[in-house]
């Protein structure tokens, strides 16, 4: 009878040890899902920016209109988005041109870098997306 009474706390200790590992796993999955969401949002913003750039008639490299348009498409919680625009009109297709929009930003995992302290995971990632579209202007 004495032996049965001594094992009462065993389940609680096991649950505590397992729940810590499961909680870290759940937080890691949530953080990578958040990074994936922001990467997808950046890609959609670049795609919209390229489409917007092809509609402009007086397009110039690093046009501030495209920069503000792309930054407006990205969620404000991401912040710090750098946008570059390149225009190539030296194509062999006559009146065809291409425009490339590149957006870059830094994504930080859990404020304070919890995972970078205990695991071999960087505290931040650099997200970068580029899109190119060809368009034709009248002569």
N, C-alpha and C. Protein backbone atom coordinates (compact mmCIF):
# COMPACT_ATOMS: atom_id res chain seq x y z
N UNK A 1 0.81 -1.20 0.00
CA UNK A 1 0.00 0.00 0.00
C UNK A 1 0.85 1.26 0.00
N UNK A 2 1.92 1.25 0.70
CA UNK A 2 2.80 2.41 0.73
C UNK A 2 3.36 2.72 -0.65
N UNK A 3 3.60 1.70 -1.38
CA UNK A 3 4.20 1.84 -2.70
C UNK A 3 3.25 2.55 -3.68
N UNK A 4 1.97 2.29 -3.60
CA UNK A 4 1.00 2.94 -4.48
C UNK A 4 0.87 4.43 -4.19
N UNK A 5 0.95 4.81 -2.95
CA UNK A 5 0.82 6.22 -2.60
C UNK A 5 2.01 7.05 -3.09
N UNK A 6 3.17 6.49 -3.24
CA UNK A 6 4.35 7.23 -3.66
C UNK A 6 4.35 7.56 -5.15
N UNK A 7 3.53 6.92 -5.95
CA UNK A 7 3.51 7.13 -7.39
C UNK A 7 2.45 8.14 -7.83
N UNK A 8 1.80 8.81 -6.92
CA UNK A 8 0.72 9.71 -7.30
C UNK A 8 1.20 10.91 -8.11
N UNK A 9 2.36 11.44 -7.90
CA UNK A 9 2.84 12.62 -8.60
C UNK A 9 3.53 12.31 -9.91
N UNK A 10 3.68 11.04 -10.23
CA UNK A 10 4.40 10.66 -11.45
C UNK A 10 3.71 11.18 -12.71
N UNK A 11 2.41 11.06 -12.80
CA UNK A 11 1.68 11.51 -13.98
C UNK A 11 1.80 13.03 -14.15
N UNK A 12 1.77 13.74 -13.04
CA UNK A 12 1.91 15.20 -13.11
C UNK A 12 3.28 15.61 -13.61
N UNK A 13 4.31 14.95 -13.17
CA UNK A 13 5.67 15.27 -13.62
C UNK A 13 5.84 14.93 -15.09
N UNK A 14 5.33 13.79 -15.52
CA UNK A 14 5.41 13.41 -16.93
C UNK A 14 4.64 14.39 -17.81
N UNK A 15 3.46 14.78 -17.36
CA UNK A 15 2.66 15.73 -18.13
C UNK A 15 3.39 17.07 -18.26
N UNK A 16 4.02 17.51 -17.19
CA UNK A 16 4.75 18.77 -17.22
C UNK A 16 5.91 18.71 -18.21
N UNK A 17 6.67 17.64 -18.19
CA UNK A 17 7.80 17.51 -19.10
C UNK A 17 7.35 17.44 -20.57
N UNK A 18 6.32 16.69 -20.84
CA UNK A 18 5.83 16.55 -22.20
C UNK A 18 5.16 17.84 -22.67
N UNK A 19 4.43 18.51 -21.81
CA UNK A 19 3.73 19.73 -22.22
C UNK A 19 4.69 20.85 -22.57
N UNK A 20 5.84 20.92 -21.94
CA UNK A 20 6.84 21.94 -22.28
C UNK A 20 7.34 21.72 -23.71
N UNK A 21 7.64 20.49 -24.05
CA UNK A 21 8.11 20.18 -25.40
C UNK A 21 7.00 20.45 -26.43
N UNK A 22 5.78 20.05 -26.13
CA UNK A 22 4.67 20.29 -27.05
C UNK A 22 4.39 21.78 -27.22
N UNK A 23 4.51 22.56 -26.15
CA UNK A 23 4.29 24.00 -26.24
C UNK A 23 5.36 24.67 -27.10
N UNK A 24 6.61 24.26 -26.95
CA UNK A 24 7.68 24.81 -27.79
C UNK A 24 7.45 24.44 -29.25
N UNK A 25 7.03 23.23 -29.50
CA UNK A 25 6.74 22.79 -30.87
C UNK A 25 5.60 23.62 -31.46
N UNK A 26 4.53 23.83 -30.69
CA UNK A 26 3.39 24.62 -31.18
C UNK A 26 3.79 26.06 -31.46
N UNK A 27 4.60 26.66 -30.59
CA UNK A 27 5.07 28.03 -30.82
C UNK A 27 5.96 28.11 -32.05
N UNK A 28 6.80 27.10 -32.26
CA UNK A 28 7.66 27.08 -33.44
C UNK A 28 6.85 26.98 -34.72
N UNK A 29 5.84 26.14 -34.72
CA UNK A 29 4.98 26.00 -35.90
C UNK A 29 4.25 27.31 -36.16
N UNK A 30 3.78 27.97 -35.10
CA UNK A 30 3.06 29.24 -35.27
C UNK A 30 3.99 30.32 -35.83
N UNK A 31 5.23 30.37 -35.36
CA UNK A 31 6.17 31.38 -35.84
C UNK A 31 6.55 31.15 -37.31
N UNK A 32 6.77 29.91 -37.70
CA UNK A 32 7.09 29.64 -39.10
C UNK A 32 5.87 29.88 -39.98
N UNK A 33 4.68 29.65 -39.48
CA UNK A 33 3.47 29.97 -40.23
C UNK A 33 3.35 31.47 -40.42
N UNK A 34 3.71 32.25 -39.40
CA UNK A 34 3.68 33.70 -39.52
C UNK A 34 4.70 34.19 -40.54
N UNK A 35 5.89 33.59 -40.53
CA UNK A 35 6.92 33.96 -41.52
C UNK A 35 6.44 33.63 -42.93
N UNK A 36 5.80 32.49 -43.09
CA UNK A 36 5.28 32.10 -44.39
C UNK A 36 4.19 33.05 -44.86
N UNK A 37 3.32 33.47 -43.94
CA UNK A 37 2.28 34.43 -44.26
C UNK A 37 2.88 35.74 -44.77
N UNK A 38 3.88 36.26 -44.07
CA UNK A 38 4.50 37.52 -44.49
C UNK A 38 5.24 37.36 -45.82
N UNK A 39 5.86 36.22 -46.04
CA UNK A 39 6.54 35.98 -47.31
C UNK A 39 5.52 35.95 -48.45
N UNK A 40 4.38 35.32 -48.21
CA UNK A 40 3.32 35.28 -49.22
C UNK A 40 2.74 36.67 -49.46
N UNK A 41 2.57 37.45 -48.39
CA UNK A 41 2.07 38.82 -48.54
C UNK A 41 3.05 39.68 -49.32
N UNK A 42 4.34 39.48 -49.09
CA UNK A 42 5.36 40.22 -49.84
C UNK A 42 5.33 39.85 -51.31
N UNK A 43 5.16 38.57 -51.60
CA UNK A 43 5.07 38.11 -52.99
C UNK A 43 3.86 38.72 -53.69
N UNK A 44 2.72 38.75 -53.02
CA UNK A 44 1.52 39.34 -53.62
C UNK A 44 1.68 40.84 -53.83
N UNK A 45 2.36 41.51 -52.91
CA UNK A 45 2.60 42.94 -53.06
C UNK A 45 3.51 43.23 -54.25
N UNK A 46 4.53 42.40 -54.45
CA UNK A 46 5.43 42.57 -55.59
C UNK A 46 4.67 42.32 -56.89
N UNK A 47 3.85 41.30 -56.92
CA UNK A 47 3.05 41.01 -58.11
C UNK A 47 2.13 42.18 -58.44
N UNK A 48 1.48 42.75 -57.43
CA UNK A 48 0.60 43.90 -57.65
C UNK A 48 1.42 45.12 -58.08
N UNK A 49 2.61 45.29 -57.53
CA UNK A 49 3.46 46.41 -57.90
C UNK A 49 3.94 46.32 -59.34
N UNK A 50 4.27 45.12 -59.79
CA UNK A 50 4.69 44.94 -61.19
C UNK A 50 3.53 45.25 -62.12
N UNK A 51 2.36 44.77 -61.77
CA UNK A 51 1.18 45.03 -62.59
C UNK A 51 0.88 46.53 -62.64
N UNK A 52 1.02 47.20 -61.50
CA UNK A 52 0.80 48.65 -61.46
C UNK A 52 1.86 49.38 -62.28
N UNK A 53 3.09 48.91 -62.24
CA UNK A 53 4.18 49.56 -62.97
C UNK A 53 3.97 49.49 -64.48
N UNK A 54 3.39 48.42 -64.96
CA UNK A 54 3.17 48.29 -66.41
C UNK A 54 2.11 49.26 -66.91
N UNK A 55 1.27 49.78 -66.03
CA UNK A 55 0.24 50.72 -66.42
C UNK A 55 0.74 52.15 -66.50
N UNK A 56 1.90 52.43 -65.90
CA UNK A 56 2.44 53.80 -65.91
C UNK A 56 3.12 54.08 -67.24
N UNK A 57 2.93 55.28 -67.75
CA UNK A 57 3.54 55.64 -69.04
C UNK A 57 4.92 56.23 -68.87
N UNK A 58 5.17 56.93 -67.79
CA UNK A 58 6.48 57.58 -67.56
C UNK A 58 7.23 56.87 -66.44
N UNK A 59 7.53 55.62 -66.65
CA UNK A 59 8.16 54.79 -65.64
C UNK A 59 9.66 55.03 -65.59
N UNK A 60 10.20 55.16 -64.41
CA UNK A 60 11.64 55.37 -64.21
C UNK A 60 12.15 54.37 -63.18
N UNK A 61 13.44 54.04 -63.20
CA UNK A 61 13.99 53.14 -62.19
C UNK A 61 13.79 53.71 -60.79
N UNK A 62 13.47 52.85 -59.85
CA UNK A 62 13.20 53.21 -58.45
C UNK A 62 12.16 54.32 -58.33
N UNK A 63 11.10 54.17 -59.08
CA UNK A 63 10.00 55.14 -59.08
C UNK A 63 9.32 55.15 -57.70
N UNK A 64 9.21 56.33 -57.06
CA UNK A 64 8.61 56.38 -55.73
C UNK A 64 7.13 56.00 -55.71
N UNK A 65 6.43 56.14 -56.83
CA UNK A 65 5.02 55.74 -56.89
C UNK A 65 4.89 54.23 -56.71
N UNK A 66 5.79 53.48 -57.34
CA UNK A 66 5.75 52.03 -57.21
C UNK A 66 6.17 51.61 -55.81
N UNK A 67 7.17 52.28 -55.27
CA UNK A 67 7.62 51.97 -53.92
C UNK A 67 6.49 52.16 -52.91
N UNK A 68 5.80 53.27 -52.98
CA UNK A 68 4.70 53.51 -52.03
C UNK A 68 3.53 52.56 -52.28
N UNK A 69 3.30 52.20 -53.55
CA UNK A 69 2.22 51.27 -53.86
C UNK A 69 2.50 49.89 -53.26
N UNK A 70 3.72 49.39 -53.44
CA UNK A 70 4.07 48.08 -52.90
C UNK A 70 4.06 48.11 -51.38
N UNK A 71 4.59 49.16 -50.78
CA UNK A 71 4.60 49.25 -49.32
C UNK A 71 3.18 49.33 -48.76
N UNK A 72 2.26 49.90 -49.54
CA UNK A 72 0.86 49.94 -49.12
C UNK A 72 0.17 48.59 -49.21
N UNK A 73 0.69 47.69 -50.02
CA UNK A 73 0.11 46.36 -50.18
C UNK A 73 0.56 45.38 -49.09
N UNK A 74 1.66 45.67 -48.43
CA UNK A 74 2.23 44.78 -47.41
C UNK A 74 1.57 45.09 -46.07
N UNK A 75 1.29 44.09 -45.23
CA UNK A 75 0.72 44.36 -43.90
C UNK A 75 1.62 45.31 -43.12
N UNK A 76 1.01 46.26 -42.42
CA UNK A 76 1.79 47.26 -41.70
C UNK A 76 2.63 46.66 -40.58
N UNK A 77 2.25 45.51 -40.07
CA UNK A 77 3.03 44.89 -38.99
C UNK A 77 4.38 44.37 -39.48
N UNK A 78 4.54 44.19 -40.79
CA UNK A 78 5.83 43.74 -41.31
C UNK A 78 6.83 44.87 -41.28
N UNK A 79 6.48 46.03 -41.80
CA UNK A 79 7.32 47.22 -41.71
C UNK A 79 8.69 47.08 -42.34
N UNK A 80 9.33 48.19 -42.63
CA UNK A 80 10.69 48.21 -43.14
C UNK A 80 10.89 47.54 -44.48
N UNK A 81 9.94 47.69 -45.39
CA UNK A 81 10.04 47.06 -46.71
C UNK A 81 10.81 47.98 -47.65
N UNK A 82 11.87 47.46 -48.26
CA UNK A 82 12.66 48.20 -49.23
C UNK A 82 12.26 47.72 -50.62
N UNK A 83 11.93 48.67 -51.50
CA UNK A 83 11.46 48.33 -52.84
C UNK A 83 12.40 48.94 -53.86
N UNK A 84 12.79 48.15 -54.85
CA UNK A 84 13.62 48.63 -55.96
C UNK A 84 12.92 48.29 -57.26
N UNK A 85 13.00 49.19 -58.22
CA UNK A 85 12.37 49.00 -59.52
C UNK A 85 13.41 49.14 -60.61
N UNK A 86 13.43 48.22 -61.57
CA UNK A 86 14.33 48.29 -62.72
C UNK A 86 13.51 48.20 -63.99
N UNK A 87 13.84 49.05 -64.95
CA UNK A 87 13.14 49.08 -66.23
C UNK A 87 14.13 48.73 -67.32
N UNK A 88 13.75 47.80 -68.20
CA UNK A 88 14.62 47.39 -69.30
C UNK A 88 13.88 47.63 -70.61
N UNK A 89 14.35 48.60 -71.37
CA UNK A 89 13.71 48.87 -72.65
C UNK A 89 14.60 48.47 -73.82
N UNK A 90 15.72 47.86 -73.56
CA UNK A 90 16.66 47.46 -74.61
C UNK A 90 16.42 46.02 -75.05
N UNK A 91 15.18 45.67 -75.20
CA UNK A 91 14.84 44.32 -75.63
C UNK A 91 14.80 44.27 -77.15
N UNK A 92 14.95 43.10 -77.69
CA UNK A 92 14.98 42.96 -79.16
C UNK A 92 13.58 42.81 -79.74
N UNK A 93 12.55 43.12 -78.96
CA UNK A 93 11.18 42.94 -79.43
C UNK A 93 10.55 44.24 -79.91
N UNK A 94 11.32 45.25 -80.16
CA UNK A 94 10.78 46.52 -80.66
C UNK A 94 10.25 47.38 -79.54
N UNK A 95 8.94 47.45 -79.39
CA UNK A 95 8.33 48.33 -78.40
C UNK A 95 8.11 47.64 -77.05
N UNK A 96 8.54 46.42 -76.91
CA UNK A 96 8.35 45.72 -75.64
C UNK A 96 9.38 46.18 -74.63
N UNK A 97 8.93 46.23 -73.38
CA UNK A 97 9.80 46.58 -72.26
C UNK A 97 9.54 45.57 -71.14
N UNK A 98 10.45 45.55 -70.20
CA UNK A 98 10.20 44.74 -69.01
C UNK A 98 10.45 45.60 -67.78
N UNK A 99 9.70 45.32 -66.75
CA UNK A 99 9.89 46.00 -65.47
C UNK A 99 10.05 44.92 -64.40
N UNK A 100 11.01 45.15 -63.52
CA UNK A 100 11.27 44.23 -62.42
C UNK A 100 11.12 44.98 -61.11
N UNK A 101 10.33 44.45 -60.22
CA UNK A 101 10.15 45.03 -58.89
C UNK A 101 10.69 44.03 -57.88
N UNK A 102 11.56 44.51 -57.00
CA UNK A 102 12.15 43.67 -55.95
C UNK A 102 11.83 44.29 -54.61
N UNK A 103 11.32 43.49 -53.68
CA UNK A 103 11.01 43.96 -52.33
C UNK A 103 11.75 43.09 -51.33
N UNK A 104 12.33 43.74 -50.33
CA UNK A 104 13.10 43.04 -49.30
C UNK A 104 12.71 43.59 -47.94
N UNK A 105 12.61 42.70 -46.96
CA UNK A 105 12.35 43.15 -45.58
C UNK A 105 12.91 42.12 -44.61
N UNK A 106 12.99 42.52 -43.38
CA UNK A 106 13.51 41.63 -42.34
C UNK A 106 12.35 41.16 -41.47
N UNK A 107 12.31 39.87 -41.20
CA UNK A 107 11.27 39.28 -40.35
C UNK A 107 11.94 38.75 -39.08
N UNK A 108 11.45 39.18 -37.93
CA UNK A 108 12.02 38.74 -36.65
C UNK A 108 11.11 37.70 -36.00
N UNK A 109 11.70 36.61 -35.58
CA UNK A 109 10.96 35.60 -34.82
C UNK A 109 10.78 36.10 -33.40
N UNK A 110 9.73 35.70 -32.74
CA UNK A 110 9.43 36.02 -31.34
C UNK A 110 10.36 37.07 -30.74
N UNK A 111 9.81 38.18 -30.39
CA UNK A 111 10.62 39.28 -29.86
C UNK A 111 11.56 38.75 -28.77
N UNK A 112 12.82 39.02 -28.92
CA UNK A 112 13.82 38.56 -27.97
C UNK A 112 14.55 37.32 -28.45
N UNK A 113 14.14 36.74 -29.53
CA UNK A 113 14.84 35.59 -30.09
C UNK A 113 14.84 34.36 -29.19
N UNK A 114 13.68 33.97 -28.70
CA UNK A 114 13.57 32.82 -27.80
C UNK A 114 14.15 31.56 -28.42
N UNK A 115 13.79 31.29 -29.67
CA UNK A 115 14.25 30.06 -30.32
C UNK A 115 15.73 30.13 -30.67
N UNK A 116 16.23 31.32 -30.96
CA UNK A 116 17.66 31.42 -31.30
C UNK A 116 18.53 31.20 -30.08
N UNK A 117 18.01 31.42 -28.89
CA UNK A 117 18.79 31.18 -27.67
C UNK A 117 18.98 29.69 -27.41
N UNK A 118 17.93 28.92 -27.63
CA UNK A 118 17.95 27.52 -27.23
C UNK A 118 18.10 26.55 -28.39
N UNK A 119 17.79 26.97 -29.58
CA UNK A 119 17.89 26.09 -30.74
C UNK A 119 18.77 26.76 -31.79
N UNK A 120 19.15 26.03 -32.79
CA UNK A 120 20.00 26.57 -33.85
C UNK A 120 19.13 27.20 -34.94
N UNK A 121 18.37 28.23 -34.56
CA UNK A 121 17.47 28.93 -35.47
C UNK A 121 17.83 30.41 -35.41
N UNK A 122 17.95 31.08 -36.56
CA UNK A 122 18.29 32.51 -36.53
C UNK A 122 17.18 33.34 -35.89
N UNK A 123 17.55 34.48 -35.31
CA UNK A 123 16.56 35.37 -34.68
C UNK A 123 15.74 36.12 -35.71
N UNK A 124 16.27 36.27 -36.93
CA UNK A 124 15.51 36.97 -37.97
C UNK A 124 15.85 36.38 -39.33
N UNK A 125 14.94 36.60 -40.27
CA UNK A 125 15.11 36.16 -41.65
C UNK A 125 14.99 37.37 -42.56
N UNK A 126 15.68 37.34 -43.68
CA UNK A 126 15.51 38.36 -44.70
C UNK A 126 14.61 37.79 -45.79
N UNK A 127 13.43 38.38 -45.91
CA UNK A 127 12.49 37.96 -46.93
C UNK A 127 12.70 38.82 -48.17
N UNK A 128 12.81 38.20 -49.32
CA UNK A 128 13.04 38.93 -50.56
C UNK A 128 12.23 38.29 -51.68
N UNK A 129 11.54 39.13 -52.42
CA UNK A 129 10.75 38.66 -53.56
C UNK A 129 10.97 39.60 -54.74
N UNK A 130 10.96 39.04 -55.94
CA UNK A 130 11.11 39.83 -57.17
C UNK A 130 10.11 39.34 -58.19
N UNK A 131 9.66 40.27 -59.01
CA UNK A 131 8.72 39.93 -60.07
C UNK A 131 9.06 40.72 -61.32
N UNK A 132 8.96 40.09 -62.48
CA UNK A 132 9.22 40.73 -63.75
C UNK A 132 8.03 40.55 -64.67
N UNK A 133 7.68 41.62 -65.38
CA UNK A 133 6.58 41.54 -66.32
C UNK A 133 6.98 42.29 -67.59
N UNK A 134 6.64 41.69 -68.71
CA UNK A 134 6.89 42.31 -70.01
C UNK A 134 5.61 43.02 -70.44
N UNK A 135 5.78 44.17 -71.05
CA UNK A 135 4.61 44.90 -71.54
C UNK A 135 4.96 45.61 -72.83
N UNK A 136 3.95 45.99 -73.57
CA UNK A 136 4.15 46.59 -74.89
C UNK A 136 3.51 47.98 -74.90
N UNK A 137 4.25 48.94 -75.38
CA UNK A 137 3.74 50.30 -75.52
C UNK A 137 3.54 50.61 -77.00
N UNK A 138 2.60 51.44 -77.28
CA UNK A 138 2.39 51.87 -78.66
C UNK A 138 3.56 52.71 -79.15
N UNK A 139 3.76 52.79 -80.43
CA UNK A 139 4.90 53.52 -80.99
C UNK A 139 4.72 55.01 -80.95
